[in-house]
Protein backbone atom coordinates (compact mmCIF):
# COMPACT_ATOMS: atom_id res chain seq x y z
CA UNK A 1 0.30 0.07 -0.23
CA UNK A 2 2.99 2.58 0.65
CA UNK A 3 3.93 2.19 -2.69
CA UNK A 4 0.84 3.19 -4.11
CA UNK A 5 0.28 6.11 -1.99
CA UNK A 6 3.96 6.92 -3.46
CA UNK A 7 2.91 6.39 -6.96
CA UNK A 8 -0.18 8.61 -6.80
CA UNK A 9 1.46 11.60 -4.91
CA UNK A 10 4.04 11.51 -7.80
CA UNK A 11 1.56 11.64 -10.18
CA UNK A 12 0.37 14.57 -8.89
CA UNK A 13 3.11 16.54 -8.83
CA UNK A 14 3.63 15.91 -4.84
CA UNK A 15 5.42 13.54 -4.65
CA UNK A 16 7.97 12.60 -1.59
CA UNK A 17 11.49 12.00 -3.82
CA UNK A 18 12.33 8.12 -3.87
CA UNK A 19 15.22 7.55 -2.55
CA UNK A 20 18.28 7.72 -5.29
CA UNK A 21 20.80 5.39 -5.93
CA UNK A 22 24.15 6.80 -4.00
CA UNK A 23 25.80 9.03 -6.29
CA UNK A 24 30.12 8.45 -6.81
CA UNK A 25 30.27 12.20 -8.02
CA UNK A 26 28.45 15.19 -9.10
CA UNK A 27 25.57 14.63 -11.49
CA UNK A 28 26.61 15.91 -14.37
CA UNK A 29 25.08 19.19 -16.20
CA UNK A 30 21.48 18.90 -17.95
CA UNK A 31 22.10 19.61 -21.74
CA UNK A 32 21.47 23.08 -22.71
CA UNK A 33 18.82 24.17 -24.75
CA UNK A 34 19.27 26.00 -27.84
CA UNK A 35 18.85 29.94 -28.11
CA UNK A 36 15.37 29.65 -30.27
CA UNK A 37 14.38 27.32 -27.76
CA UNK A 38 15.48 29.65 -24.45
CA UNK A 39 13.44 32.37 -26.02
CA UNK A 40 10.18 30.10 -26.13
CA UNK A 41 10.27 29.76 -22.27
CA UNK A 42 9.24 33.32 -21.28
CA UNK A 43 6.05 32.61 -23.01
CA UNK A 44 5.16 29.69 -21.31
CA UNK A 45 5.92 30.94 -18.11
CA UNK A 46 3.41 33.80 -18.66
CA UNK A 47 0.58 31.29 -19.58
CA UNK A 48 1.71 29.01 -16.41
CA UNK A 49 1.45 31.98 -14.10
CA UNK A 50 -1.83 33.24 -15.87
CA UNK A 51 -3.48 30.04 -14.54
CA UNK A 52 -4.97 30.82 -11.31
CA UNK A 53 -7.67 28.44 -10.93
CA UNK A 54 -8.70 24.93 -12.85
CA UNK A 55 -11.05 22.04 -12.68
CA UNK A 56 -10.61 19.17 -14.92
CA UNK A 57 -10.96 15.40 -14.91
CA UNK A 58 -7.88 13.46 -15.51
CA UNK A 59 -7.00 9.91 -16.89
CA UNK A 60 -3.79 8.81 -14.92
CA UNK A 61 -1.58 5.85 -16.31
CA UNK A 62 1.74 4.51 -15.55
CA UNK A 63 4.55 2.24 -17.40
CA UNK A 64 4.61 -0.45 -14.61
CA UNK A 65 1.24 -2.22 -15.78
CA UNK A 66 -0.68 -0.43 -13.03
CA UNK A 67 -4.64 -0.32 -14.36
CA UNK A 68 -5.60 3.25 -15.30
CA UNK A 69 -7.22 5.21 -12.39
CA UNK A 70 -9.55 8.59 -12.80
CA UNK A 71 -10.78 11.56 -11.09
CA UNK A 72 -10.94 14.87 -10.73
CA UNK A 73 -8.17 17.21 -10.28
CA UNK A 74 -8.23 20.91 -9.14
CA UNK A 75 -5.68 23.79 -8.74
CA UNK A 76 -6.09 27.30 -6.42
CA UNK A 77 -3.12 28.85 -6.97
CA UNK A 78 -1.00 29.64 -4.95
CA UNK A 79 -0.27 27.10 -3.22
CA UNK A 80 -3.89 24.62 -3.06
CA UNK A 81 -4.74 21.73 -4.91
CA UNK A 82 -6.78 18.34 -4.79
CA UNK A 83 -7.31 15.33 -6.47
CA UNK A 84 -9.99 12.94 -5.88
CA UNK A 85 -9.66 9.21 -7.46
CA UNK A 86 -12.73 8.01 -8.64
CA UNK A 87 -14.64 4.69 -7.20
CA UNK A 88 -12.02 4.50 -3.83
CA UNK A 89 -12.42 7.14 -1.43
CA UNK A 90 -8.99 8.41 -1.75
CA UNK A 91 -7.80 11.60 -2.21
CA UNK A 92 -4.66 14.43 -2.47
CA UNK A 93 -4.92 17.84 -1.25
CA UNK A 94 -2.74 20.60 -0.71
CA UNK A 95 -3.41 23.57 1.76
CA UNK A 96 -0.92 25.86 0.97
CA UNK A 97 1.81 24.43 3.32
CA UNK A 98 1.28 20.65 3.37
CA UNK A 99 0.17 17.47 1.00
CA UNK A 100 -1.76 15.47 2.53
CA UNK A 101 -2.59 12.09 0.79
CA UNK A 102 -5.78 10.21 2.52
CA UNK A 103 -5.65 6.39 2.40
CA UNK A 104 -9.44 5.39 2.05
CA UNK A 105 -8.46 1.89 2.79
CA UNK A 106 -6.87 1.67 5.76
CA UNK A 107 -7.88 5.16 6.97
CA UNK A 108 -4.54 6.78 7.38
CA UNK A 109 -2.80 9.76 5.72
CA UNK A 110 0.38 10.74 4.73
CA UNK A 111 1.65 14.46 4.53
CA UNK A 112 4.89 16.13 3.50
CA UNK A 113 5.85 19.78 3.43
CA UNK A 114 4.82 21.22 -0.17
CA UNK A 115 8.50 23.04 -0.53
CA UNK A 116 10.62 19.93 -0.12
CA UNK A 117 10.22 18.75 -3.57
CA UNK A 118 9.94 19.74 -7.23
CA UNK A 119 6.18 19.25 -5.35
CA UNK A 120 5.31 22.77 -5.68
CA UNK A 121 6.35 23.74 -9.39
CA UNK A 122 2.71 24.59 -10.37
CA UNK A 123 1.46 25.42 -7.06
CA UNK A 124 4.08 28.47 -6.05
CA UNK A 125 3.07 32.47 -6.51
CA UNK A 126 5.63 32.73 -9.37
CA UNK A 127 6.10 30.08 -11.54
CA UNK A 128 9.73 30.19 -13.23
CA UNK A 129 11.49 27.90 -15.34
CA UNK A 130 15.27 28.87 -14.03
CA UNK A 131 16.73 29.25 -10.55
CA UNK A 132 15.56 25.85 -8.26
CA UNK A 133 14.47 24.27 -11.43
CA UNK A 134 16.10 23.55 -14.90
CA UNK A 135 14.70 23.15 -18.24
CA UNK A 136 16.44 19.62 -20.13
CA UNK A 137 14.50 19.65 -23.10
CA UNK A 138 11.90 21.25 -25.11
CA UNK A 139 10.44 19.70 -28.18
CA UNK A 140 7.60 19.64 -30.22
CA UNK A 141 5.74 16.74 -32.38
CA UNK A 142 2.46 16.47 -34.03
CA UNK A 143 0.98 19.55 -32.28
CA UNK A 144 2.26 19.49 -29.05
CA UNK A 145 5.08 21.10 -26.96
CA UNK A 146 6.80 19.22 -24.58
CA UNK A 147 9.03 21.08 -21.48
CA UNK A 148 11.10 18.87 -19.57
CA UNK A 149 12.34 20.04 -16.11
CA UNK A 150 14.73 18.56 -12.79
CA UNK A 151 15.27 20.16 -9.64
CA UNK A 152 18.07 22.17 -10.09
CA UNK A 153 20.59 21.16 -7.31
CA UNK A 154 19.18 17.42 -7.40
CA UNK A 155 18.56 16.45 -10.84
CA UNK A 156 18.79 12.85 -10.34
CA UNK A 157 15.60 12.84 -8.22
CA UNK A 158 13.57 12.19 -11.51
CA UNK A 159 11.80 15.02 -14.06
CA UNK A 160 8.59 16.62 -14.83
CA UNK A 161 7.53 17.12 -18.31
CA UNK A 162 4.65 19.31 -19.16
CA UNK A 163 2.94 18.56 -22.28
CA UNK A 164 1.26 21.09 -24.11
CA UNK A 165 -1.34 21.70 -27.15
CA UNK A 166 0.10 24.44 -29.22
CA UNK A 167 -3.40 25.73 -31.41
CA UNK A 168 -4.75 27.26 -28.88
CA UNK A 169 -1.91 26.68 -26.11
CA UNK A 170 -2.74 25.06 -23.22
CA UNK A 171 -1.75 22.28 -20.66
CA UNK A 172 -3.04 19.07 -21.30
CA UNK A 173 -0.68 16.54 -19.52
CA UNK A 174 1.88 15.73 -17.47
CA UNK A 175 4.52 13.18 -17.05
CA UNK A 176 6.48 12.49 -13.84
CA UNK A 177 9.48 10.37 -13.54
CA UNK A 178 10.75 9.10 -10.71
CA UNK A 179 14.49 8.65 -9.21
CA UNK A 180 13.65 4.50 -9.89
CA UNK A 181 13.09 5.30 -13.56
CA UNK A 182 9.17 4.36 -13.44
CA UNK A 183 6.99 6.81 -15.29
CA UNK A 184 3.37 8.15 -14.44
CA UNK A 185 1.48 10.52 -16.62
CA UNK A 186 -1.75 12.36 -15.84
CA UNK A 187 -3.91 13.58 -18.67
CA UNK A 188 -6.34 15.92 -18.67
CA UNK A 189 -9.98 15.95 -20.00
CA UNK A 190 -12.24 18.68 -20.54
CA UNK A 191 -9.85 21.16 -18.53
CA UNK A 192 -11.52 24.26 -17.21
CA UNK A 193 -9.38 27.26 -16.29
CA UNK A 194 -10.18 30.59 -14.39
CA UNK A 195 -13.26 28.57 -12.61
CA UNK A 196 -14.55 29.71 -9.10
CA UNK A 197 -13.67 26.95 -6.49
CA UNK A 198 -15.00 26.06 -3.19
CA UNK A 199 -11.92 27.46 -0.92
CA UNK A 200 -13.18 25.26 1.84
CA UNK A 201 -12.23 21.77 0.16
CA UNK A 202 -8.09 22.76 0.32
CA UNK A 203 -7.49 21.26 3.80
CA UNK A 204 -6.86 18.27 4.52
CA UNK A 205 -9.69 16.15 6.93
CA UNK A 206 -10.90 12.75 7.47
CA UNK A 207 -13.93 11.93 5.50
CA UNK A 208 -16.96 12.59 7.85
CA UNK A 209 -14.74 15.47 9.92
CA UNK A 210 -15.57 18.93 9.87
CA UNK A 211 -12.55 21.09 9.54
CA UNK A 212 -11.80 22.52 12.99
CA UNK A 213 -11.61 26.46 12.32
CA UNK A 214 -9.38 28.82 13.93
């Protein structure tokens, strides 16, 4: 069950980084982008920073043979996110400080600080494709643009690839490659941007319990 929980967190961009193999030296620097590719990054940043709220159905898949899962993804920047999985009662919620995963089968939760990993990339107040993250790849294929990034200081911990539809430009899916080489993909289905979302749902509470207010 613990393995399933961590895989779900990774798929949500809120992964607890799996332990990488011990390194015998400094990781090699990521490949440099061309000047033309670098010139595209500011427009991508502007688009991402323009997403203040998002609600979408999603399909989650992985390369380890696990069954497809579906659910609802909601984002309210900065800091808040919620993922409800269909059929099993599991959910993930970020409240601005921590990320919580509720395992309905055993009625337990796990949590981690948002900023402890690449987790908070889409949740931060100002998204930047430089600094603590480094873009290692930018590729266009069949009307899609893929942007892959890693943690600048720990590139071996895995990567996040954002996939955009080019016309009209919009985020459509993402892939997480973890330190063990497993890939999980989340594809958005009919995403709605700029929607009004109930802020009360972006707090962790056990199902059936009301949140105690300050």
